[in-house]
Amino acid sequence: MSLPRHPLVLAVRPVAEALGATVLPVSQREPSDIPLMWEGVVVAVVRPAPLHGALDRLIESVEREFGSPLAELGREDKQRAI
């Protein structure tokens, strides 16, 4: 089953993907998934990214924001990154 073209799904999907999560149809729901509810009806679920690799994803995000690997940042930028 494919994802519904629901406004909530369309709005949440880019955010979920940026966080490493996946938006899935209700038919693929697992206990740890987060339901996306619209007017009392679950229209899809968000599967959070696994914790394995979470630190690497966070560091990559900060490096993208600063435009440089952390090792190449100056002291002040490293403090801002934290």
PDB file of N, CA and C in Angstrom:
ATOM      1  N   MET A   1       0.846  -1.182   0.000  1.00  0.00           N
ATOM      2  CA  MET A   1       0.000   0.000   0.000  1.00  0.00           C
ATOM      3  C   MET A   1       0.893   1.247   0.000  1.00  0.00           C
ATOM      4  N   SER A   2       0.498   2.242  -0.764  1.00  0.00           N
ATOM      5  CA  SER A   2       1.293   3.467  -0.842  1.00  0.00           C
ATOM      6  C   SER A   2       0.771   4.505   0.147  1.00  0.00           C
ATOM      7  N   LEU A   3       1.575   5.533   0.352  1.00  0.00           N
ATOM      8  CA  LEU A   3       1.195   6.617   1.261  1.00  0.00           C
ATOM      9  C   LEU A   3       0.030   7.404   0.690  1.00  0.00           C
ATOM     10  N   PRO A   4      -0.906   7.794   1.547  1.00  0.00           N
ATOM     11  CA  PRO A   4      -1.991   8.651   1.063  1.00  0.00           C
ATOM     12  C   PRO A   4      -1.460  10.053   0.768  1.00  0.00           C
ATOM     13  N   ARG A   5      -2.046  10.712  -0.216  1.00  0.00           N
ATOM     14  CA  ARG A   5      -1.669  12.098  -0.525  1.00  0.00           C
ATOM     15  C   ARG A   5      -2.489  13.026   0.362  1.00  0.00           C
ATOM     16  N   HIS A   6      -2.323  12.838   1.637  1.00  0.00           N
ATOM     17  CA  HIS A   6      -3.057  13.602   2.640  1.00  0.00           C
ATOM     18  C   HIS A   6      -2.245  14.843   2.995  1.00  0.00           C
ATOM     19  N   PRO A   7      -2.894  15.984   3.276  1.00  0.00           N
ATOM     20  CA  PRO A   7      -2.149  17.205   3.607  1.00  0.00           C
ATOM     21  C   PRO A   7      -1.191  17.031   4.787  1.00  0.00           C
ATOM     22  N   LEU A   8      -1.583  16.257   5.786  1.00  0.00           N
ATOM     23  CA  LEU A   8      -0.707  16.047   6.940  1.00  0.00           C
ATOM     24  C   LEU A   8       0.546  15.272   6.530  1.00  0.00           C
ATOM     25  N   VAL A   9       0.367  14.251   5.729  1.00  0.00           N
ATOM     26  CA  VAL A   9       1.504  13.455   5.250  1.00  0.00           C
ATOM     27  C   VAL A   9       2.431  14.329   4.414  1.00  0.00           C
ATOM     28  N   LEU A  10       1.859  15.123   3.518  1.00  0.00           N
ATOM     29  CA  LEU A  10       2.661  15.997   2.658  1.00  0.00           C
ATOM     30  C   LEU A  10       3.433  17.032   3.474  1.00  0.00           C
ATOM     31  N   ALA A  11       2.844  17.507   4.569  1.00  0.00           N
ATOM     32  CA  ALA A  11       3.498  18.513   5.409  1.00  0.00           C
ATOM     33  C   ALA A  11       4.592  17.909   6.285  1.00  0.00           C
ATOM     34  N   VAL A  12       4.352  16.721   6.814  1.00  0.00           N
ATOM     35  CA  VAL A  12       5.274  16.111   7.780  1.00  0.00           C
ATOM     36  C   VAL A  12       6.438  15.389   7.108  1.00  0.00           C
ATOM     37  N   ARG A  13       6.215  14.863   5.924  1.00  0.00           N
ATOM     38  CA  ARG A  13       7.227  14.017   5.278  1.00  0.00           C
ATOM     39  C   ARG A  13       8.603  14.687   5.145  1.00  0.00           C
ATOM     40  N   PRO A  14       8.714  15.922   4.646  1.00  0.00           N
ATOM     41  CA  PRO A  14      10.051  16.524   4.534  1.00  0.00           C
ATOM     42  C   PRO A  14      10.753  16.690   5.885  1.00  0.00           C
ATOM     43  N   VAL A  15       9.983  17.000   6.907  1.00  0.00           N
ATOM     44  CA  VAL A  15      10.567  17.158   8.246  1.00  0.00           C
ATOM     45  C   VAL A  15      11.047  15.806   8.760  1.00  0.00           C
ATOM     46  N   ALA A  16      10.211  14.792   8.615  1.00  0.00           N
ATOM     47  CA  ALA A  16      10.579  13.453   9.068  1.00  0.00           C
ATOM     48  C   ALA A  16      11.846  12.978   8.366  1.00  0.00           C
ATOM     49  N   GLU A  17      11.903  13.171   7.050  1.00  0.00           N
ATOM     50  CA  GLU A  17      13.075  12.722   6.297  1.00  0.00           C
ATOM     51  C   GLU A  17      14.334  13.490   6.697  1.00  0.00           C
ATOM     52  N   ALA A  18      14.189  14.770   6.996  1.00  0.00           N
ATOM     53  CA  ALA A  18      15.343  15.560   7.440  1.00  0.00           C
ATOM     54  C   ALA A  18      15.884  15.051   8.770  1.00  0.00           C
ATOM     55  N   LEU A  19      15.013  14.447   9.564  1.00  0.00           N
ATOM     56  CA  LEU A  19      15.414  13.896  10.859  1.00  0.00           C
ATOM     57  C   LEU A  19      15.826  12.431  10.759  1.00  0.00           C
ATOM     58  N   GLY A  20      15.803  11.889   9.547  1.00  0.00           N
ATOM     59  CA  GLY A  20      16.181  10.495   9.356  1.00  0.00           C
ATOM     60  C   GLY A  20      15.050   9.520   9.590  1.00  0.00           C
ATOM     61  N   ALA A  21      13.843  10.030   9.791  1.00  0.00           N
ATOM     62  CA  ALA A  21      12.675   9.179  10.012  1.00  0.00           C
ATOM     63  C   ALA A  21      12.015   8.857   8.670  1.00  0.00           C
ATOM     64  N   THR A  22      11.060   7.939   8.702  1.00  0.00           N
ATOM     65  CA  THR A  22      10.349   7.526   7.501  1.00  0.00           C
ATOM     66  C   THR A  22       8.854   7.609   7.750  1.00  0.00           C
ATOM     67  N   VAL A  23       8.116   8.145   6.794  1.00  0.00           N
ATOM     68  CA  VAL A  23       6.655   8.161   6.868  1.00  0.00           C
ATOM     69  C   VAL A  23       6.157   6.950   6.089  1.00  0.00           C
ATOM     70  N   LEU A  24       5.295   6.164   6.737  1.00  0.00           N
ATOM     71  CA  LEU A  24       4.809   4.915   6.151  1.00  0.00           C
ATOM     72  C   LEU A  24       3.292   4.834   6.211  1.00  0.00           C
ATOM     73  N   PRO A  25       2.701   3.997   5.348  1.00  0.00           N
ATOM     74  CA  PRO A  25       1.256   3.785   5.432  1.00  0.00           C
ATOM     75  C   PRO A  25       0.899   3.046   6.723  1.00  0.00           C
ATOM     76  N   VAL A  26      -0.319   3.216   7.158  1.00  0.00           N
ATOM     77  CA  VAL A  26      -0.800   2.596   8.398  1.00  0.00           C
ATOM     78  C   VAL A  26      -0.643   1.078   8.350  1.00  0.00           C
ATOM     79  N   SER A  27      -0.762   0.485   7.179  1.00  0.00           N
ATOM     80  CA  SER A  27      -0.669  -0.975   7.047  1.00  0.00           C
ATOM     81  C   SER A  27       0.704  -1.514   7.457  1.00  0.00           C
ATOM     82  N   GLN A  28       1.715  -0.661   7.503  1.00  0.00           N
ATOM     83  CA  GLN A  28       3.065  -1.089   7.885  1.00  0.00           C
ATOM     84  C   GLN A  28       3.419  -0.685   9.315  1.00  0.00           C
ATOM     85  N   ARG A  29       2.432  -0.297  10.079  1.00  0.00           N
ATOM     86  CA  ARG A  29       2.640   0.206  11.443  1.00  0.00           C
ATOM     87  C   ARG A  29       3.247  -0.848  12.353  1.00  0.00           C
ATOM     88  N   GLU A  30       4.230  -0.404  13.142  1.00  0.00           N
ATOM     89  CA  GLU A  30       4.850  -1.227  14.179  1.00  0.00           C
ATOM     90  C   GLU A  30       4.635  -0.528  15.516  1.00  0.00           C
ATOM     91  N   PRO A  31       4.777  -1.241  16.634  1.00  0.00           N
ATOM     92  CA  PRO A  31       4.489  -0.646  17.942  1.00  0.00           C
ATOM     93  C   PRO A  31       5.256   0.641  18.255  1.00  0.00           C
ATOM     94  N   SER A  32       6.477   0.779  17.772  1.00  0.00           N
ATOM     95  CA  SER A  32       7.265   1.974  18.097  1.00  0.00           C
ATOM     96  C   SER A  32       7.005   3.149  17.155  1.00  0.00           C
ATOM     97  N   ASP A  33       6.169   2.968  16.144  1.00  0.00           N
ATOM     98  CA  ASP A  33       5.871   4.047  15.198  1.00  0.00           C
ATOM     99  C   ASP A  33       4.976   5.100  15.839  1.00  0.00           C
ATOM    100  N   ILE A  34       5.076   6.328  15.325  1.00  0.00           N
ATOM    101  CA  ILE A  34       4.289   7.453  15.831  1.00  0.00           C
ATOM    102  C   ILE A  34       3.130   7.692  14.871  1.00  0.00           C
ATOM    103  N   PRO A  35       1.894   7.579  15.351  1.00  0.00           N
ATOM    104  CA  PRO A  35       0.759   7.772  14.448  1.00  0.00           C
ATOM    105  C   PRO A  35       0.576   9.239  14.068  1.00  0.00           C
ATOM    106  N   LEU A  36       0.245   9.478  12.803  1.00  0.00           N
ATOM    107  CA  LEU A  36      -0.138  10.808  12.333  1.00  0.00           C
ATOM    108  C   LEU A  36      -1.658  10.819  12.270  1.00  0.00           C
ATOM    109  N   MET A  37      -2.264  11.557  13.194  1.00  0.00           N
ATOM    110  CA  MET A  37      -3.725  11.565  13.294  1.00  0.00           C
ATOM    111  C   MET A  37      -4.302  12.852  12.722  1.00  0.00           C
ATOM    112  N   TRP A  38      -5.421  12.700  12.013  1.00  0.00           N
ATOM    113  CA  TRP A  38      -6.148  13.825  11.435  1.00  0.00           C
ATOM    114  C   TRP A  38      -7.621  13.600  11.750  1.00  0.00           C
ATOM    115  N   GLU A  39      -8.175  14.484  12.550  1.00  0.00           N
ATOM    116  CA  GLU A  39      -9.588  14.402  12.944  1.00  0.00           C
ATOM    117  C   GLU A  39      -9.944  13.013  13.471  1.00  0.00           C
ATOM    118  N   GLY A  40      -9.065  12.491  14.334  1.00  0.00           N
ATOM    119  CA  GLY A  40      -9.323  11.221  14.999  1.00  0.00           C
ATOM    120  C   GLY A  40      -8.994   9.979  14.196  1.00  0.00           C
ATOM    121  N   VAL A  41      -8.458  10.139  12.994  1.00  0.00           N
ATOM    122  CA  VAL A  41      -8.138   8.995  12.136  1.00  0.00           C
ATOM    123  C   VAL A  41      -6.629   8.967  11.885  1.00  0.00           C
ATOM    124  N   VAL A  42      -6.031   7.798  12.055  1.00  0.00           N
ATOM    125  CA  VAL A  42      -4.608   7.649  11.756  1.00  0.00           C
ATOM    126  C   VAL A  42      -4.463   7.556  10.236  1.00  0.00           C
ATOM    127  N   VAL A  43      -3.752   8.538   9.647  1.00  0.00           N
ATOM    128  CA  VAL A  43      -3.611   8.573   8.185  1.00  0.00           C
ATOM    129  C   VAL A  43      -2.271   8.006   7.716  1.00  0.00           C
ATOM    130  N   ALA A  44      -1.298   7.934   8.607  1.00  0.00           N
ATOM    131  CA  ALA A  44       0.021   7.373   8.311  1.00  0.00           C
ATOM    132  C   ALA A  44       0.770   7.269   9.633  1.00  0.00           C
ATOM    133  N   VAL A  45       1.968   6.726   9.569  1.00  0.00           N
ATOM    134  CA  VAL A  45       2.804   6.629  10.764  1.00  0.00           C
ATOM    135  C   VAL A  45       4.209   7.121  10.437  1.00  0.00           C
ATOM    136  N   VAL A  46       4.896   7.592  11.469  1.00  0.00           N
ATOM    137  CA  VAL A  46       6.293   8.001  11.327  1.00  0.00           C
ATOM    138  C   VAL A  46       7.143   6.990  12.079  1.00  0.00           C
ATOM    139  N   ARG A  47       8.096   6.422  11.372  1.00  0.00           N
ATOM    140  CA  ARG A  47       9.034   5.497  12.000  1.00  0.00           C
ATOM    141  C   ARG A  47      10.320   6.263  12.291  1.00  0.00           C
ATOM    142  N   PRO A  48      10.621   6.477  13.578  1.00  0.00           N
ATOM    143  CA  PRO A  48      11.832   7.234  13.928  1.00  0.00           C
ATOM    144  C   PRO A  48      13.087   6.547  13.396  1.00  0.00           C
ATOM    145  N   ALA A  49      14.095   7.348  13.160  1.00  0.00           N
ATOM    146  CA  ALA A  49      15.387   6.808  12.724  1.00  0.00           C
ATOM    147  C   ALA A  49      15.962   5.958  13.848  1.00  0.00           C
ATOM    148  N   PRO A  50      16.664   4.900  13.500  1.00  0.00           N
ATOM    149  CA  PRO A  50      17.293   4.099  14.554  1.00  0.00           C
ATOM    150  C   PRO A  50      18.339   4.927  15.287  1.00  0.00           C
ATOM    151  N   LEU A  51      18.514   4.644  16.567  1.00  0.00           N
ATOM    152  CA  LEU A  51      19.507   5.386  17.345  1.00  0.00           C
ATOM    153  C   LEU A  51      20.925   5.107  16.867  1.00  0.00           C
ATOM    154  N   HIS A  52      21.131   3.910  16.320  1.00  0.00           N
ATOM    155  CA  HIS A  52      22.451   3.599  15.774  1.00  0.00           C
ATOM    156  C   HIS A  52      22.749   4.580  14.643  1.00  0.00           C
ATOM    157  N   GLY A  53      23.811   5.332  14.774  1.00  0.00           N
ATOM    158  CA  GLY A  53      24.181   6.314  13.759  1.00  0.00           C
ATOM    159  C   GLY A  53      23.603   7.698  13.994  1.00  0.00           C
ATOM    160  N   ALA A  54      22.837   7.871  15.081  1.00  0.00           N
ATOM    161  CA  ALA A  54      22.199   9.165  15.345  1.00  0.00           C
ATOM    162  C   ALA A  54      23.234  10.270  15.560  1.00  0.00           C
ATOM    163  N   LEU A  55      24.304   9.969  16.262  1.00  0.00           N
ATOM    164  CA  LEU A  55      25.335  10.978  16.497  1.00  0.00           C
ATOM    165  C   LEU A  55      25.985  11.397  15.177  1.00  0.00           C
ATOM    166  N   ASP A  56      26.250  10.426  14.314  1.00  0.00           N
ATOM    167  CA  ASP A  56      26.832  10.748  13.006  1.00  0.00           C
ATOM    168  C   ASP A  56      25.904  11.649  12.200  1.00  0.00           C
ATOM    169  N   ARG A  57      24.596  11.353  12.228  1.00  0.00           N
ATOM    170  CA  ARG A  57      23.632  12.189  11.493  1.00  0.00           C
ATOM    171  C   ARG A  57      23.595  13.597  12.070  1.00  0.00           C
ATOM    172  N   LEU A  58      23.674  13.706  13.384  1.00  0.00           N
ATOM    173  CA  LEU A  58      23.662  15.014  14.028  1.00  0.00           C
ATOM    174  C   LEU A  58      24.907  15.823  13.648  1.00  0.00           C
ATOM    175  N   ILE A  59      26.052  15.182  13.671  1.00  0.00           N
ATOM    176  CA  ILE A  59      27.296  15.859  13.297  1.00  0.00           C
ATOM    177  C   ILE A  59      27.242  16.300  11.835  1.00  0.00           C
ATOM    178  N   GLU A  60      26.746  15.439  10.952  1.00  0.00           N
ATOM    179  CA  GLU A  60      26.621  15.804   9.536  1.00  0.00           C
ATOM    180  C   GLU A  60      25.715  17.013   9.362  1.00  0.00           C
ATOM    181  N   SER A  61      24.654  17.068  10.134  1.00  0.00           N
ATOM    182  CA  SER A  61      23.727  18.198  10.061  1.00  0.00           C
ATOM    183  C   SER A  61      24.415  19.498  10.477  1.00  0.00           C
ATOM    184  N   VAL A  62      25.183  19.441  11.556  1.00  0.00           N
ATOM    185  CA  VAL A  62      25.903  20.630  12.032  1.00  0.00           C
ATOM    186  C   VAL A  62      26.951  21.053  11.007  1.00  0.00           C
ATOM    187  N   GLU A  63      27.645  20.081  10.432  1.00  0.00           N
ATOM    188  CA  GLU A  63      28.658  20.407   9.425  1.00  0.00           C
ATOM    189  C   GLU A  63      28.031  21.063   8.198  1.00  0.00           C
ATOM    190  N   ARG A  64      26.853  20.595   7.794  1.00  0.00           N
ATOM    191  CA  ARG A  64      26.146  21.233   6.670  1.00  0.00           C
ATOM    192  C   ARG A  64      25.776  22.663   7.017  1.00  0.00           C
ATOM    193  N   GLU A  65      25.299  22.850   8.249  1.00  0.00           N
ATOM    194  CA  GLU A  65      24.888  24.186   8.687  1.00  0.00           C
ATOM    195  C   GLU A  65      26.068  25.163   8.683  1.00  0.00           C
ATOM    196  N   PHE A  66      27.236  24.688   9.106  1.00  0.00           N
ATOM    197  CA  PHE A  66      28.409  25.557   9.191  1.00  0.00           C
ATOM    198  C   PHE A  66      29.238  25.551   7.905  1.00  0.00           C
ATOM    199  N   GLY A  67      28.927  24.627   6.998  1.00  0.00           N
ATOM    200  CA  GLY A  67      29.623  24.593   5.716  1.00  0.00           C
ATOM    201  C   GLY A  67      31.048  24.083   5.773  1.00  0.00           C
ATOM    202  N   SER A  68      31.355  23.314   6.813  1.00  0.00           N
ATOM    203  CA  SER A  68      32.723  22.827   6.978  1.00  0.00           C
ATOM    204  C   SER A  68      32.727  21.669   7.975  1.00  0.00           C
ATOM    205  N   PRO A  69      33.671  20.710   7.827  1.00  0.00           N
ATOM    206  CA  PRO A  69      33.792  19.655   8.837  1.00  0.00           C
ATOM    207  C   PRO A  69      34.112  20.259  10.209  1.00  0.00           C
ATOM    208  N   LEU A  70      33.635  19.637  11.255  1.00  0.00           N
ATOM    209  CA  LEU A  70      33.871  20.154  12.608  1.00  0.00           C
ATOM    210  C   LEU A  70      35.353  20.345  12.899  1.00  0.00           C
ATOM    211  N   ALA A  71      36.177  19.436  12.422  1.00  0.00           N
ATOM    212  CA  ALA A  71      37.616  19.520  12.693  1.00  0.00           C
ATOM    213  C   ALA A  71      38.237  20.788  12.115  1.00  0.00           C
ATOM    214  N   GLU A  72      37.600  21.358  11.099  1.00  0.00           N
ATOM    215  CA  GLU A  72      38.146  22.553  10.452  1.00  0.00           C
ATOM    216  C   GLU A  72      37.561  23.853  11.002  1.00  0.00           C
ATOM    217  N   LEU A  73      36.595  23.758  11.906  1.00  0.00           N
ATOM    218  CA  LEU A  73      35.982  24.960  12.470  1.00  0.00           C
ATOM    219  C   LEU A  73      36.897  25.592  13.510  1.00  0.00           C
ATOM    220  N   GLY A  74      36.824  26.896  13.608  1.00  0.00           N
ATOM    221  CA  GLY A  74      37.549  27.607  14.651  1.00  0.00           C
ATOM    222  C   GLY A  74      36.874  27.395  15.997  1.00  0.00           C
ATOM    223  N   ARG A  75      37.539  27.819  17.045  1.00  0.00           N
ATOM    224  CA  ARG A  75      37.040  27.607  18.409  1.00  0.00           C
ATOM    225  C   ARG A  75      35.650  28.211  18.606  1.00  0.00           C
ATOM    226  N   GLU A  76      35.465  29.434  18.132  1.00  0.00           N
ATOM    227  CA  GLU A  76      34.185  30.113  18.316  1.00  0.00           C
ATOM    228  C   GLU A  76      33.052  29.370  17.602  1.00  0.00           C
ATOM    229  N   ASP A  77      33.306  28.913  16.374  1.00  0.00           N
ATOM    230  CA  ASP A  77      32.284  28.162  15.644  1.00  0.00           C
ATOM    231  C   ASP A  77      32.007  26.816  16.311  1.00  0.00           C
ATOM    232  N   LYS A  78      33.031  26.172  16.838  1.00  0.00           N
ATOM    233  CA  LYS A  78      32.823  24.904  17.545  1.00  0.00           C
ATOM    234  C   LYS A  78      31.936  25.120  18.768  1.00  0.00           C
ATOM    235  N   GLN A  79      32.146  26.221  19.481  1.00  0.00           N
ATOM    236  CA  GLN A  79      31.308  26.514  20.645  1.00  0.00           C
ATOM    237  C   GLN A  79      29.867  26.760  20.213  1.00  0.00           C
ATOM    238  N   ARG A  80      29.675  27.462  19.106  1.00  0.00           N
ATOM    239  CA  ARG A  80      28.314  27.693  18.590  1.00  0.00           C
ATOM    240  C   ARG A  80      27.672  26.385  18.145  1.00  0.00           C
ATOM    241  N   ALA A  81      28.477  25.489  17.603  1.00  0.00           N
ATOM    242  CA  ALA A  81      27.959  24.205  17.125  1.00  0.00           C
ATOM    243  C   ALA A  81      27.399  23.371  18.269  1.00  0.00           C
ATOM    244  N   ILE A  82      27.993  23.530  19.438  1.00  0.00           N
ATOM    245  CA  ILE A  82      27.536  22.765  20.599  1.00  0.00           C
ATOM    246  C   ILE A  82      26.248  23.346  21.098  1.00  0.00           C
TER     247      ILE A  82
END
